């Protein structure tokens, strides 16, 4: 008796269709995805290559790739703490067969996050299962002649700061690379690699460098015309100017320790395509000076981090410059954070008055406002309401609750009520209030209006008189919130 042959549907003979199907399997089945794809690789020859592409395309670490090498073994060192990771090491030198297996898998890798041990762990990566021995890194640094280890790699996060990893890191720098994150590197010895990135990776669009200085590399960005996102430590003035001329730069996060040639920078404004700007400045004067060279109609997000604190006058000058260097109604996120106590002059030089805060009313498109500075506030219900009227899209607001106001607040629960009435999209509030005396009615403590969208309320060093009455007011008004 003849057994009828079973033919495959024509659609399943198209590799691109299979890749899309297997990618969907990979997305929906996080726990068993790897096993499922491995099984598909073994099902039939038609499934093997598409399933392999999906299985190896995006790796959390290099560990799965290295464990495919036959001469790799696992060693757990004696004397180490019990929760330390086992180490991958070589049993012998890598042979041509070992390299053939490794390269057959590495050619499929498109993105990879990499670190060596738990202390180097990057928060957005998968947890590693093993440490990678130095002997493996050295061996992988000498591939067979004319071979490219990662020919299709587009994106990598690299956090191995060991000197022994530098040679292998250079092999990852290929013309196809578009995303490179080195921000977790701790050893400045890696700065020797930066010039070679210029030539090796002309397609880079996203570059996250460590926070240490790059003042000795004035032309480091010249060969990346498509660069759109940059994170970096302190840069030379010439480097900042070259960044300002990039045609596609949308996001920049840099450290400012000093600006040598302020006049030249101001005379050559740039950054016309910038949408997001994060400044980590030694003081607010540097941040203000830097803003004078920015002129962008696309700016949506501005954040400023100040390790040495600031004053109310400094904040006023910075906001004034910001208003002039962007289209105020288009700015959506504004954050200022400092890490220094106000000191003996508090509160004279550290009071944000209604006139200063009124400048913020021109940013009518704000969705997030966070002023986490050591300054206090001269603010009452009326002034708060006038500000809130200008922010109909506000979703998150925090006024000084990180440090507290450390003095009497003139904002009452009525002011809070007015704030949420004028800002119907609010989800998170940080506000210091005076709730020592209240005229809350027990029948309708929240005024009969509820704001279930508000899920977080930080009251800083607010003063409370009758806790039960205040709790009744807040729970009636914000039924789903968490207070801190």
Protein backbone atom coordinates (compact mmCIF):
# COMPACT_ATOMS: atom_id res chain seq x y z
CA UNK A 1 0.00 0.00 0.00
CA UNK A 2 1.38 3.39 -1.01
CA UNK A 3 1.83 5.97 1.75
CA UNK A 4 0.75 9.39 0.44
CA UNK A 5 3.46 12.06 0.58
CA UNK A 6 2.79 15.03 2.81
CA UNK A 7 3.57 18.34 1.11
CA UNK A 8 4.21 21.60 2.96
CA UNK A 9 2.02 24.64 2.34
CA UNK A 10 3.76 26.92 -0.18
CA UNK A 11 3.71 29.84 2.28
CA UNK A 12 5.91 27.87 4.67
CA UNK A 13 8.57 27.60 2.01
CA UNK A 14 9.15 31.37 2.16
CA UNK A 15 11.92 32.11 4.66
CA UNK A 16 10.69 35.64 5.49
CA UNK A 17 7.23 34.32 6.43
CA UNK A 18 8.73 31.67 8.70
CA UNK A 19 10.97 34.25 10.38
CA UNK A 20 7.91 36.40 11.15
CA UNK A 21 6.00 33.41 12.53
CA UNK A 22 8.90 32.28 14.72
CA UNK A 23 9.49 35.86 15.91
CA UNK A 24 5.87 35.92 17.08
CA UNK A 25 6.46 32.65 18.94
CA UNK A 26 9.53 34.20 20.54
CA UNK A 27 7.59 37.27 21.69
CA UNK A 28 4.58 35.44 23.13
CA UNK A 29 6.33 32.59 24.91
CA UNK A 30 9.06 34.23 27.01
CA UNK A 31 9.64 31.28 29.35
CA UNK A 32 9.85 28.52 26.74
CA UNK A 33 10.81 30.52 23.65
CA UNK A 34 14.39 29.23 23.42
CA UNK A 35 13.33 25.59 23.80
CA UNK A 36 10.52 26.01 21.27
CA UNK A 37 12.80 27.61 18.69
CA UNK A 38 15.48 24.96 19.27
CA UNK A 39 12.85 22.27 18.65
CA UNK A 40 11.78 24.01 15.44
CA UNK A 41 15.43 23.99 14.30
CA UNK A 42 15.39 20.20 14.58
CA UNK A 43 11.94 19.67 13.03
CA UNK A 44 12.91 19.93 9.37
CA UNK A 45 15.45 21.54 7.08
CA UNK A 46 12.95 24.19 5.94
CA UNK A 47 12.52 25.42 9.52
CA UNK A 48 16.17 25.26 10.59
CA UNK A 49 17.60 28.49 9.17
CA UNK A 50 14.60 30.77 9.95
CA UNK A 51 14.33 29.38 13.51
CA UNK A 52 18.08 29.81 14.01
CA UNK A 53 17.84 33.43 12.88
CA UNK A 54 15.20 34.20 15.50
CA UNK A 55 16.87 32.12 18.23
CA UNK A 56 20.21 33.93 17.97
CA UNK A 57 19.12 37.38 16.80
CA UNK A 58 18.84 39.05 20.22
CA UNK A 59 21.01 37.89 23.12
CA UNK A 60 20.98 39.21 26.66
CA UNK A 61 24.59 38.08 27.13
CA UNK A 62 27.34 36.33 25.17
CA UNK A 63 27.12 33.30 27.45
CA UNK A 64 24.77 31.19 25.23
CA UNK A 65 27.03 31.85 22.26
CA UNK A 66 30.19 30.86 24.13
CA UNK A 67 28.61 27.71 25.57
CA UNK A 68 28.16 26.42 22.02
CA UNK A 69 31.94 26.08 21.68
CA UNK A 70 32.80 22.37 22.28
CA UNK A 71 36.05 23.09 24.16
CA UNK A 72 34.39 25.35 26.76
CA UNK A 73 33.78 23.96 30.22
CA UNK A 74 32.23 25.25 33.44
CA UNK A 75 34.36 25.75 36.55
CA UNK A 76 33.18 26.69 40.01
CA UNK A 77 36.16 27.97 41.99
CA UNK A 78 36.65 26.70 45.48
CA UNK A 79 36.68 29.20 48.28
CA UNK A 80 34.31 31.61 46.54
CA UNK A 81 30.95 32.56 48.10
CA UNK A 82 28.20 30.07 47.32
CA UNK A 83 26.18 32.52 45.24
CA UNK A 84 29.12 33.42 42.97
CA UNK A 85 28.59 32.52 39.34
CA UNK A 86 30.46 29.60 37.78
CA UNK A 87 33.09 30.57 35.22
CA UNK A 88 33.35 29.53 31.59
CA UNK A 89 36.93 28.52 30.66
CA UNK A 90 38.69 26.67 27.82
CA UNK A 91 39.69 23.03 28.18
CA UNK A 92 42.11 23.35 25.27
CA UNK A 93 42.96 25.68 22.41
CA UNK A 94 40.16 26.42 19.99
CA UNK A 95 40.34 24.32 16.82
CA UNK A 96 39.07 25.14 13.35
CA UNK A 97 35.94 23.10 14.12
CA UNK A 98 35.33 25.12 17.30
CA UNK A 99 35.64 28.33 15.33
CA UNK A 100 33.33 27.06 12.62
CA UNK A 101 30.61 26.33 15.19
CA UNK A 102 31.07 29.67 16.96
CA UNK A 103 31.04 31.71 13.74
CA UNK A 104 28.00 29.86 12.39
CA UNK A 105 26.04 31.19 15.37
CA UNK A 106 27.69 34.61 15.83
CA UNK A 107 26.85 35.58 12.23
CA UNK A 108 23.16 35.49 13.22
CA UNK A 109 23.46 37.87 16.19
CA UNK A 110 21.87 41.28 15.63
CA UNK A 111 21.83 42.71 19.17
CA UNK A 112 23.68 41.73 22.32
CA UNK A 113 24.09 42.98 25.87
CA UNK A 114 27.25 41.82 27.59
CA UNK A 115 28.77 41.89 31.06
CA UNK A 116 31.17 39.73 32.99
CA UNK A 117 29.80 39.36 36.50
CA UNK A 118 26.97 40.44 38.76
CA UNK A 119 28.76 43.56 39.93
CA UNK A 120 28.91 44.71 36.30
CA UNK A 121 25.27 43.91 35.62
CA UNK A 122 23.45 46.38 33.44
CA UNK A 123 19.91 46.97 34.75
CA UNK A 124 18.18 46.44 31.43
CA UNK A 125 19.87 43.16 30.55
CA UNK A 126 18.94 39.60 31.35
CA UNK A 127 20.62 38.04 34.37
CA UNK A 128 23.84 36.23 33.46
CA UNK A 129 24.28 32.57 34.28
CA UNK A 130 28.08 32.43 34.10
CA UNK A 131 31.19 34.59 34.26
CA UNK A 132 33.41 34.54 31.17
CA UNK A 133 37.04 33.64 31.73
CA UNK A 134 39.88 35.80 30.45
CA UNK A 135 41.28 32.85 28.48
CA UNK A 136 38.10 32.74 26.39
CA UNK A 137 38.27 36.46 25.65
CA UNK A 138 41.89 36.11 24.57
CA UNK A 139 41.09 33.15 22.32
CA UNK A 140 38.13 34.89 20.71
CA UNK A 141 40.35 37.91 20.04
CA UNK A 142 42.27 35.90 17.40
CA UNK A 143 39.72 34.60 14.90
CA UNK A 144 40.72 32.79 11.69
CA UNK A 145 42.07 35.04 8.92
CA UNK A 146 39.49 36.95 6.84
CA UNK A 147 36.62 36.01 9.19
CA UNK A 148 34.27 38.59 10.72
CA UNK A 149 33.02 37.55 14.15
CA UNK A 150 29.77 39.58 14.18
CA UNK A 151 29.10 40.61 10.57
CA UNK A 152 25.47 41.62 11.17
CA UNK A 153 25.64 43.05 14.69
CA UNK A 154 23.55 46.23 14.95
CA UNK A 155 23.38 46.91 18.66
CA UNK A 156 25.50 46.08 21.71
CA UNK A 157 25.80 47.11 25.35
CA UNK A 158 29.33 46.49 26.59
CA UNK A 159 30.24 46.63 30.30
CA UNK A 160 33.43 44.59 30.58
CA UNK A 161 36.10 46.97 31.92
CA UNK A 162 38.95 44.43 31.95
CA UNK A 163 42.00 45.26 29.85
CA UNK A 164 41.98 41.71 28.50
CA UNK A 165 38.64 42.34 26.83
CA UNK A 166 39.78 45.30 24.71
CA UNK A 167 41.03 43.22 21.76
CA UNK A 168 37.79 41.25 21.59
CA UNK A 169 35.80 44.49 21.87
CA UNK A 170 37.58 45.82 18.78
CA UNK A 171 36.25 42.83 16.79
CA UNK A 172 32.71 43.91 17.60
CA UNK A 173 33.26 47.29 15.98
CA UNK A 174 31.94 46.62 12.49
CA UNK A 175 30.50 48.89 9.77
CA UNK A 176 26.97 47.59 10.42
CA UNK A 177 26.94 48.68 14.10
CA UNK A 178 24.31 51.36 14.80
CA UNK A 179 23.99 51.29 18.63
CA UNK A 180 26.94 51.19 21.03
CA UNK A 181 26.54 51.52 24.80
CA UNK A 182 29.81 51.75 26.77
CA UNK A 183 28.37 53.86 29.59
CA UNK A 184 29.09 51.27 32.30
CA UNK A 185 32.82 50.99 31.53
CA UNK A 186 34.79 52.03 34.63
CA UNK A 187 38.42 51.88 33.44
CA UNK A 188 39.62 54.91 31.40
CA UNK A 189 42.05 52.56 29.65
CA UNK A 190 39.18 51.99 27.24
CA UNK A 191 39.61 55.56 25.95
CA UNK A 192 42.28 54.20 23.58
CA UNK A 193 39.49 52.45 21.69
CA UNK A 194 37.50 55.60 20.90
CA UNK A 195 39.58 56.74 17.88
CA UNK A 196 39.20 53.31 16.26
CA UNK A 197 35.40 53.48 16.67
CA UNK A 198 35.47 56.52 14.38
CA UNK A 199 36.77 54.51 11.44
CA UNK A 200 35.23 51.13 12.22
CA UNK A 201 31.60 52.18 12.78
CA UNK A 202 30.50 54.81 10.25
CA UNK A 203 26.83 53.83 10.66
CA UNK A 204 26.56 54.67 14.37
CA UNK A 205 23.32 56.41 15.30
CA UNK A 206 23.29 55.90 19.07
CA UNK A 207 26.43 56.28 21.20
CA UNK A 208 26.55 56.03 25.01
CA UNK A 209 30.05 56.76 26.32
CA UNK A 210 31.30 56.58 29.92
CA UNK A 211 31.16 59.64 32.16
CA UNK A 212 34.93 60.16 32.28
CA UNK A 213 36.47 63.09 30.32
CA UNK A 214 37.12 63.00 26.57
CA UNK A 215 38.77 66.41 26.39
CA UNK A 216 41.73 64.98 24.44
CA UNK A 217 39.54 63.86 21.52
CA UNK A 218 38.29 67.09 19.91
CA UNK A 219 37.22 65.47 16.62
CA UNK A 220 35.70 62.27 17.99
CA UNK A 221 32.24 62.79 16.44
CA UNK A 222 33.27 64.10 13.03
CA UNK A 223 32.89 60.77 11.20
CA UNK A 224 29.36 60.00 12.44
CA UNK A 225 27.09 62.21 10.33
CA UNK A 226 24.02 60.13 11.20
CA UNK A 227 24.50 60.31 14.96
CA UNK A 228 21.14 60.92 16.66
CA UNK A 229 21.66 60.04 20.35
CA UNK A 230 24.77 60.83 22.42
CA UNK A 231 25.65 60.24 26.08
CA UNK A 232 29.11 61.35 27.17
CA UNK A 233 31.41 62.66 29.85
CA UNK A 234 33.04 66.11 29.61
CA UNK A 235 33.94 67.12 26.06
CA UNK A 236 36.30 69.64 24.51
CA UNK A 237 34.75 72.91 23.28
CA UNK A 238 35.52 71.95 19.68
CA UNK A 239 33.72 68.64 20.19
CA UNK A 240 30.63 70.40 21.53
CA UNK A 241 30.63 72.68 18.50
CA UNK A 242 30.89 69.71 16.13
CA UNK A 243 27.96 68.05 17.92
CA UNK A 244 25.95 71.20 17.42
CA UNK A 245 26.45 70.93 13.67
CA UNK A 246 25.17 67.35 13.34
CA UNK A 247 22.12 67.23 11.10
CA UNK A 248 20.27 64.42 12.90
CA UNK A 249 21.17 64.88 16.59
CA UNK A 250 17.94 64.40 18.55
CA UNK A 251 19.12 63.54 22.08
CA UNK A 252 22.19 64.57 24.05
CA UNK A 253 23.21 63.72 27.63
CA UNK A 254 26.58 65.24 28.56
CA UNK A 255 28.64 66.29 31.57
CA UNK A 256 29.85 69.90 31.86
CA UNK A 257 32.85 70.55 34.11
CA UNK A 258 33.96 73.74 32.41
CA UNK A 259 33.53 75.60 29.15
CA UNK A 260 36.75 77.27 28.07
CA UNK A 261 35.61 79.31 25.08
CA UNK A 262 32.17 80.64 26.04
CA UNK A 263 32.29 83.50 23.52
CA UNK A 264 33.02 81.19 20.59
CA UNK A 265 30.28 78.78 21.63
CA UNK A 266 27.68 81.54 21.96
CA UNK A 267 28.62 83.05 18.60
CA UNK A 268 28.03 79.70 16.88
CA UNK A 269 24.63 78.43 18.09
CA UNK A 270 23.61 74.98 16.95
CA UNK A 271 21.71 71.85 17.99
CA UNK A 272 18.80 72.89 15.78
CA UNK A 273 17.42 69.32 15.62
CA UNK A 274 17.65 68.59 19.36
CA UNK A 275 14.55 67.13 21.03
CA UNK A 276 16.03 65.94 24.34
CA UNK A 277 18.80 67.58 26.38
CA UNK A 278 20.27 66.33 29.66
CA UNK A 279 23.00 68.43 31.31
CA UNK A 280 25.06 67.17 34.24
CA UNK A 281 26.79 70.41 35.15
CA UNK A 282 29.28 71.30 37.87
CA UNK A 283 27.06 74.31 38.62
CA UNK A 284 24.05 76.02 37.11
CA UNK A 285 26.16 78.80 35.59
CA UNK A 286 27.71 76.22 33.26
CA UNK A 287 24.26 74.92 32.32
CA UNK A 288 23.09 78.48 31.60
CA UNK A 289 26.18 79.22 29.50
CA UNK A 290 25.66 76.04 27.52
CA UNK A 291 22.01 76.85 26.83
CA UNK A 292 23.08 80.08 25.10
CA UNK A 293 24.44 78.05 22.18
CA UNK A 294 21.31 75.90 21.81
CA UNK A 295 18.60 77.02 19.42
CA UNK A 296 16.03 74.32 18.68
CA UNK A 297 12.38 74.52 17.72
CA UNK A 298 12.07 70.77 18.36
CA UNK A 299 13.08 70.69 22.05
CA UNK A 300 10.64 68.57 24.06
CA UNK A 301 12.61 67.46 27.12
CA UNK A 302 15.22 69.27 29.25
CA UNK A 303 16.84 67.90 32.41
CA UNK A 304 19.56 69.48 34.51
CA UNK A 305 21.50 67.69 37.28
CA UNK A 306 23.67 69.82 39.58
CA UNK A 307 25.94 68.03 42.09
CA UNK A 308 26.92 71.30 43.77
CA UNK A 309 23.49 72.85 44.15
CA UNK A 310 22.08 76.17 42.99
CA UNK A 311 20.24 79.29 44.13
CA UNK A 312 16.89 80.82 43.25
CA UNK A 313 18.63 83.43 41.10
CA UNK A 314 20.53 80.70 39.26
CA UNK A 315 17.30 78.85 38.49
CA UNK A 316 15.65 82.08 37.34
CA UNK A 317 18.47 82.86 34.90
CA UNK A 318 18.50 79.30 33.57
CA UNK A 319 14.74 79.25 32.94
CA UNK A 320 14.92 82.68 31.29
CA UNK A 321 17.58 81.46 28.85
CA UNK A 322 15.64 78.25 28.21
CA UNK A 323 12.53 80.24 27.30
CA UNK A 324 14.57 82.05 24.66
CA UNK A 325 16.27 78.96 23.21
CA UNK A 326 13.20 76.82 22.50
CA UNK A 327 9.52 77.18 21.65
CA UNK A 328 8.07 77.23 25.21
CA UNK A 329 4.67 75.75 24.38
CA UNK A 330 6.34 72.67 22.85
CA UNK A 331 8.44 71.72 25.88
CA UNK A 332 6.88 68.71 27.62
CA UNK A 333 9.37 67.62 30.30
CA UNK A 334 11.39 69.93 32.56
CA UNK A 335 13.47 68.66 35.48
CA UNK A 336 16.08 70.29 37.72
CA UNK A 337 17.79 68.27 40.42
CA UNK A 338 20.63 69.22 42.75
CA UNK A 339 22.43 67.29 45.44
CA UNK A 340 23.69 70.02 47.78
CA UNK A 341 22.15 71.35 50.99
CA UNK A 342 21.26 75.04 50.98
CA UNK A 343 23.53 75.73 53.95
CA UNK A 344 23.72 78.73 56.26
CA UNK A 345 22.16 81.25 53.84
CA UNK A 346 18.85 79.38 53.72
CA UNK A 347 16.25 80.61 52.94
CA UNK A 348 17.29 84.13 51.80
CA UNK A 349 19.04 83.11 48.55
CA UNK A 350 17.04 79.92 48.13
CA UNK A 351 13.41 81.03 47.87
CA UNK A 352 11.55 80.53 44.61
CA UNK A 353 9.09 83.42 44.59
CA UNK A 354 5.84 83.66 42.59
CA UNK A 355 7.62 85.94 40.09
CA UNK A 356 10.27 83.28 39.42
CA UNK A 357 7.74 80.46 39.23
CA UNK A 358 5.56 82.55 36.92
CA UNK A 359 8.22 82.08 34.23
CA UNK A 360 7.23 78.41 34.14
CA UNK A 361 3.67 79.32 33.12
CA UNK A 362 4.92 79.96 29.58
CA UNK A 363 5.67 76.24 29.19
CA UNK A 364 2.03 75.47 28.46
CA UNK A 365 2.66 72.02 27.01
CA UNK A 366 4.33 70.59 30.12
CA UNK A 367 3.44 67.03 31.07
CA UNK A 368 6.23 66.61 33.67
CA UNK A 369 7.71 69.23 36.01
CA UNK A 370 10.18 68.23 38.72
CA UNK A 371 12.07 70.89 40.68
CA UNK A 372 14.12 68.74 43.07
CA UNK A 373 16.36 71.52 44.34
CA UNK A 374 17.44 72.70 47.78
CA UNK A 375 15.37 75.85 47.27
CA UNK A 376 12.15 76.49 49.16
CA UNK A 377 8.97 78.12 47.88
CA UNK A 378 6.99 81.26 48.53
CA UNK A 379 3.75 79.87 47.18
CA UNK A 380 0.09 80.03 48.21
CA UNK A 381 -3.18 78.65 46.87
CA UNK A 382 -3.80 81.59 44.53
CA UNK A 383 -0.33 81.50 42.95
CA UNK A 384 -0.50 77.71 42.58
CA UNK A 385 -3.90 77.96 40.87
CA UNK A 386 -2.63 80.60 38.44
CA UNK A 387 0.24 78.30 37.48
CA UNK A 388 -1.99 75.22 37.20
CA UNK A 389 -4.31 76.99 34.76
CA UNK A 390 -1.38 77.15 32.32
CA UNK A 391 -0.66 73.40 32.48
CA UNK A 392 -3.76 71.54 31.21
CA UNK A 393 -1.64 68.57 30.05
CA UNK A 394 0.37 68.13 33.26
CA UNK A 395 0.69 64.48 34.34
CA UNK A 396 3.44 64.64 36.97
CA UNK A 397 4.47 67.59 39.13
CA UNK A 398 6.94 67.73 42.02
CA UNK A 399 7.83 71.00 43.73
CA UNK A 400 10.66 70.59 46.21
CA UNK A 401 9.44 67.44 47.95
CA UNK A 402 12.84 65.75 47.59
CA UNK A 403 14.40 68.10 50.16
CA UNK A 404 11.18 69.46 51.66
CA UNK A 405 10.47 73.16 52.02
CA UNK A 406 11.86 73.30 55.57
CA UNK A 407 9.58 76.20 56.40
CA UNK A 408 5.89 77.06 56.65
CA UNK A 409 3.92 76.40 53.44
CA UNK A 410 1.03 78.66 52.45
CA UNK A 411 -0.45 76.01 50.17
CA UNK A 412 -3.47 74.31 51.76
CA UNK A 413 -5.61 71.33 50.84
CA UNK A 414 -7.80 73.75 48.90
CA UNK A 415 -4.77 74.58 46.78
CA UNK A 416 -4.26 70.89 46.13
CA UNK A 417 -7.92 70.63 45.14
CA UNK A 418 -7.52 73.54 42.74
CA UNK A 419 -4.36 71.99 41.25
CA UNK A 420 -6.05 68.72 40.33
CA UNK A 421 -9.11 70.56 39.05
CA UNK A 422 -7.03 72.64 36.64
CA UNK A 423 -4.78 69.71 35.65
CA UNK A 424 -7.19 66.82 34.92
CA UNK A 425 -4.41 64.56 33.55
CA UNK A 426 -2.39 64.52 36.79
CA UNK A 427 -1.16 61.11 37.93
CA UNK A 428 1.68 62.00 40.32
CA UNK A 429 1.91 64.99 42.70
CA UNK A 430 4.73 66.20 44.93
CA UNK A 431 3.71 69.21 47.01
CA UNK A 432 4.36 70.53 50.52
CA UNK A 433 1.18 71.79 52.20
CA UNK A 434 -0.11 73.30 55.41
CA UNK A 435 -2.85 71.01 56.74
CA UNK A 436 -2.69 72.09 60.39
CA UNK A 437 -6.10 73.75 60.21
CA UNK A 438 -8.78 72.65 57.76
CA UNK A 439 -12.41 73.45 57.06
CA UNK A 440 -13.19 70.05 55.56
CA UNK A 441 -16.77 68.84 55.85
CA UNK A 442 -17.21 65.28 57.07
CA UNK A 443 -20.09 64.64 54.63
CA UNK A 444 -18.16 65.39 51.42
CA UNK A 445 -14.51 65.73 52.47
CA UNK A 446 -13.21 65.76 48.91
CA UNK A 447 -15.78 68.23 47.62
CA UNK A 448 -17.57 65.47 45.76
CA UNK A 449 -14.99 65.37 42.96
CA UNK A 450 -12.75 62.32 42.52
CA UNK A 451 -9.49 62.00 40.63
CA UNK A 452 -8.78 58.26 40.29
CA UNK A 453 -5.92 59.01 37.87
CA UNK A 454 -3.79 60.33 40.74
CA UNK A 455 -1.88 57.30 42.03
CA UNK A 456 1.04 58.97 43.84
CA UNK A 457 1.16 61.85 46.33
CA UNK A 458 4.42 62.95 47.97
CA UNK A 459 3.82 65.55 50.69
CA UNK A 460 7.44 66.08 51.78
CA UNK A 461 7.60 67.85 55.14
CA UNK A 462 3.95 68.99 55.14
CA UNK A 463 2.36 69.84 58.48
CA UNK A 464 -0.79 68.03 59.53
CA UNK A 465 -3.22 68.96 62.29
CA UNK A 466 -6.07 66.41 62.29
CA UNK A 467 -4.75 63.26 60.57
CA UNK A 468 -8.19 61.64 60.34
CA UNK A 469 -9.76 64.65 58.65
CA UNK A 470 -6.87 64.94 56.19
CA UNK A 471 -6.99 61.20 55.47
CA UNK A 472 -10.73 61.44 54.79
CA UNK A 473 -10.15 64.34 52.41
CA UNK A 474 -7.38 62.58 50.50
CA UNK A 475 -9.04 59.18 50.27
CA UNK A 476 -12.28 60.76 49.08
CA UNK A 477 -10.45 62.74 46.44
CA UNK A 478 -7.85 60.18 45.34
CA UNK A 479 -9.28 56.68 45.87
CA UNK A 480 -6.33 54.84 44.27
CA UNK A 481 -3.33 56.89 45.41
CA UNK A 482 -0.27 55.96 47.51
CA UNK A 483 1.00 58.68 49.86
CA UNK A 484 4.64 59.16 50.85
